[in-house]
Protein backbone atom coordinates (compact mmCIF):
# COMPACT_ATOMS: atom_id res chain seq x y z
CA MET A 1 -3.75 1.37 -21.51
CA GLU A 2 -1.53 -1.04 -19.61
CA VAL A 3 -0.68 -0.07 -16.04
CA GLU A 4 2.93 -0.90 -15.14
CA THR A 5 3.43 -2.57 -11.75
CA LEU A 6 7.20 -3.17 -11.73
CA TYR A 7 7.98 -0.36 -9.27
CA LEU A 8 5.23 -1.49 -6.90
CA GLU A 9 6.50 -5.07 -7.15
CA ARG A 10 10.01 -3.90 -6.26
CA CYS A 11 8.66 -1.92 -3.30
CA VAL A 12 6.74 -4.86 -1.87
CA ASN A 13 9.77 -7.13 -2.32
CA THR A 14 11.91 -4.56 -0.50
CA LEU A 15 9.34 -4.30 2.28
CA GLU A 16 9.11 -8.06 2.64
CA LYS A 17 12.88 -8.45 2.89
CA ALA A 18 13.26 -5.54 5.33
CA TYR A 19 10.47 -6.96 7.50
CA LYS A 20 12.10 -10.41 7.60
CA LEU A 21 15.43 -8.86 8.57
CA LEU A 22 13.72 -6.71 11.19
CA GLU A 23 12.22 -9.80 12.79
CA LYS A 24 15.72 -11.27 13.16
CA ALA A 25 17.32 -8.10 14.55
CA GLN A 26 17.54 -7.22 18.23
CA PRO A 27 15.84 -3.94 19.27
CA GLU A 28 19.08 -2.56 20.74
CA GLU A 29 20.98 -3.05 17.48
CA ILE A 30 21.36 -0.32 14.88
CA GLU A 31 20.22 -2.82 12.25
CA PHE A 32 16.83 -2.95 13.95
CA ASP A 33 16.42 0.81 13.46
CA MET A 34 17.59 0.58 9.86
CA TYR A 35 15.17 -2.22 8.95
CA ARG A 36 12.32 -0.55 10.82
CA SER A 37 12.94 2.70 8.91
CA ALA A 38 13.04 0.80 5.63
CA CYS A 39 9.73 -0.88 6.46
CA ILE A 40 8.05 2.42 7.27
CA LYS A 41 9.41 4.07 4.12
CA GLU A 42 8.21 1.24 1.89
CA PHE A 43 4.82 1.19 3.64
CA GLU A 44 4.39 4.87 2.80
CA ILE A 45 5.54 4.45 -0.81
CA ILE A 46 3.30 1.43 -1.37
CA LEU A 47 0.25 3.28 -0.05
CA GLU A 48 0.83 6.10 -2.52
CA GLN A 49 1.76 3.89 -5.46
CA SER A 50 -1.22 1.59 -4.98
CA GLY A 51 -3.59 4.54 -5.07
CA LYS A 52 -1.92 6.01 -8.17
CA LEU A 53 -2.00 2.73 -10.05
CA LEU A 54 -5.60 1.94 -9.13
CA LYS A 55 -6.56 5.41 -10.29
CA LYS A 56 -5.15 4.53 -13.73
CA VAL A 57 -7.03 1.22 -13.72
CA LEU A 58 -10.29 3.02 -12.91
CA LYS A 59 -10.14 5.44 -15.86
CA PRO A 60 -12.18 3.22 -18.23
CA TYR A 61 -15.00 3.09 -15.65
CA PHE A 62 -15.50 6.86 -15.65
CA ALA A 63 -16.82 9.29 -18.23
CA SER A 64 -13.64 11.34 -18.12
CA SER A 65 -10.07 11.17 -16.87
CA LYS A 66 -10.70 14.40 -15.00
CA ALA A 67 -13.38 12.70 -12.89
CA VAL A 68 -10.93 9.97 -11.88
CA ASP A 69 -8.17 12.49 -11.19
CA MET A 70 -10.42 14.18 -8.64
CA LEU A 71 -10.81 11.01 -6.55
CA VAL A 72 -9.13 10.93 -3.15
CA PHE A 73 -7.43 7.83 -1.74
CA LYS A 74 -10.48 6.38 0.00
CA ASP A 75 -12.69 6.92 -3.04
CA ILE A 76 -10.15 5.22 -5.30
CA PHE A 77 -10.28 2.06 -3.22
CA ARG A 78 -14.06 2.21 -2.80
CA HIS A 79 -14.52 2.46 -6.57
CA ALA A 80 -12.04 -0.37 -7.10
CA ALA A 81 -14.21 -2.54 -4.83
CA LEU A 82 -17.40 -1.30 -6.50
CA HIS A 83 -16.03 -2.40 -9.89
CA SER A 84 -14.80 -5.74 -8.46
CA ILE A 85 -11.14 -4.93 -9.04
CA ILE A 86 -10.52 -5.68 -5.35
CA ASP A 87 -12.83 -7.29 -2.79
CA THR A 88 -14.60 -5.31 -0.09
CA GLU A 89 -12.57 -6.83 2.76
CA SER A 90 -9.35 -5.80 1.07
CA CYS A 91 -10.79 -2.33 0.46
CA GLU A 92 -11.60 -1.94 4.15
CA ARG A 93 -8.07 -2.94 5.12
CA TRP A 94 -6.55 -0.43 2.68
CA LEU A 95 -8.70 2.27 4.26
CA LEU A 96 -7.44 1.18 7.68
CA TYR A 97 -3.84 1.29 6.48
CA ARG A 98 -4.39 4.85 5.31
CA ASP A 99 -6.16 5.78 8.55
CA ASN A 100 -3.24 4.36 10.53
CA ARG A 101 -0.87 6.51 8.53
CA ASN A 102 -3.00 9.63 8.90
CA SER A 103 -3.75 9.21 12.60
CA THR A 104 -0.08 8.80 13.47
CA ALA A 105 1.49 11.05 10.84
CA HIS A 106 2.44 13.61 13.48
CA ASP A 107 4.32 10.91 15.40
CA TYR A 108 7.08 9.37 13.31
CA GLY A 109 8.57 7.88 16.44
CA VAL A 110 8.35 4.48 18.04
CA GLY A 111 4.55 4.59 18.44
CA PHE A 112 3.94 5.11 14.74
CA ALA A 113 6.48 2.45 13.84
CA GLN A 114 5.03 -0.12 16.25
CA ASP A 115 1.46 0.48 14.99
CA THR A 116 2.60 0.17 11.38
CA LEU A 117 4.75 -2.91 11.94
CA LYS A 118 1.73 -4.80 13.29
CA LEU A 119 -0.02 -4.22 9.96
CA LEU A 120 2.81 -5.34 7.69
CA PRO A 121 2.17 -9.09 7.29
CA GLN A 122 -1.36 -8.54 5.94
CA PHE A 123 -0.28 -5.36 4.13
CA ILE A 124 2.30 -7.34 2.15
CA ILE A 125 -0.36 -9.88 1.16
CA ASP A 126 -2.80 -7.12 0.20
CA THR A 127 -0.16 -5.36 -1.89
CA LYS A 128 0.62 -8.54 -3.78
CA ASN A 129 -3.11 -8.95 -4.40
CA ILE A 130 -3.34 -5.37 -5.71
CA ILE A 131 -0.54 -6.17 -8.17
CA ILE A 132 -2.41 -9.27 -9.32
CA ALA A 133 -5.65 -7.27 -9.66
CA ILE A 134 -3.94 -4.56 -11.71
CA ASN A 135 -2.26 -7.13 -13.95
CA ASN A 136 -5.62 -8.87 -14.43
CA GLN A 137 -7.11 -5.57 -15.57
CA ASN A 138 -4.23 -5.24 -18.04
CA ASN A 139 -5.26 -8.52 -19.70
C-alpha cells in the first residue's frame, strides 16, 4: 500500500514559508502574531500527520493492523527507528518535539510559542526527511 505524503509536504512548505516571514516581521506588528500562529498550527499538524503516516508505513512489519493501530506516538517513532525507516537521532528529536508540545500544551501563550519556534529549523529538516523516508518505503 502506498502512503500518500502530499498533505504533509504542503504542511511543511506552509511552515517553512510562515517561519521565513516570521523572521522578517517585527514583534510589535500584527503580522508577527499571524506568522507565529501559523507556525504553531503547522507544527501541531505535522506532528500528528507524521505519526499517522509512519503508522501506515509500519503495518507490513507487524502481524496485524490492529497491533499497529494500538501504538502511541512515541512507539511509532521508536519502531520506525528499529526498522531503519528513520535514524535513531531523528527519532529522539521527534520524541523531543512531542515532549515540547505535551509539556507546554496548557500554555498556548508566548512561552509555548517561543519554545516551539526554537525547534522549527531542525523540525523542518526532520519533516522533509520523514517524507523522503515514507516515499522510499513506497518504492
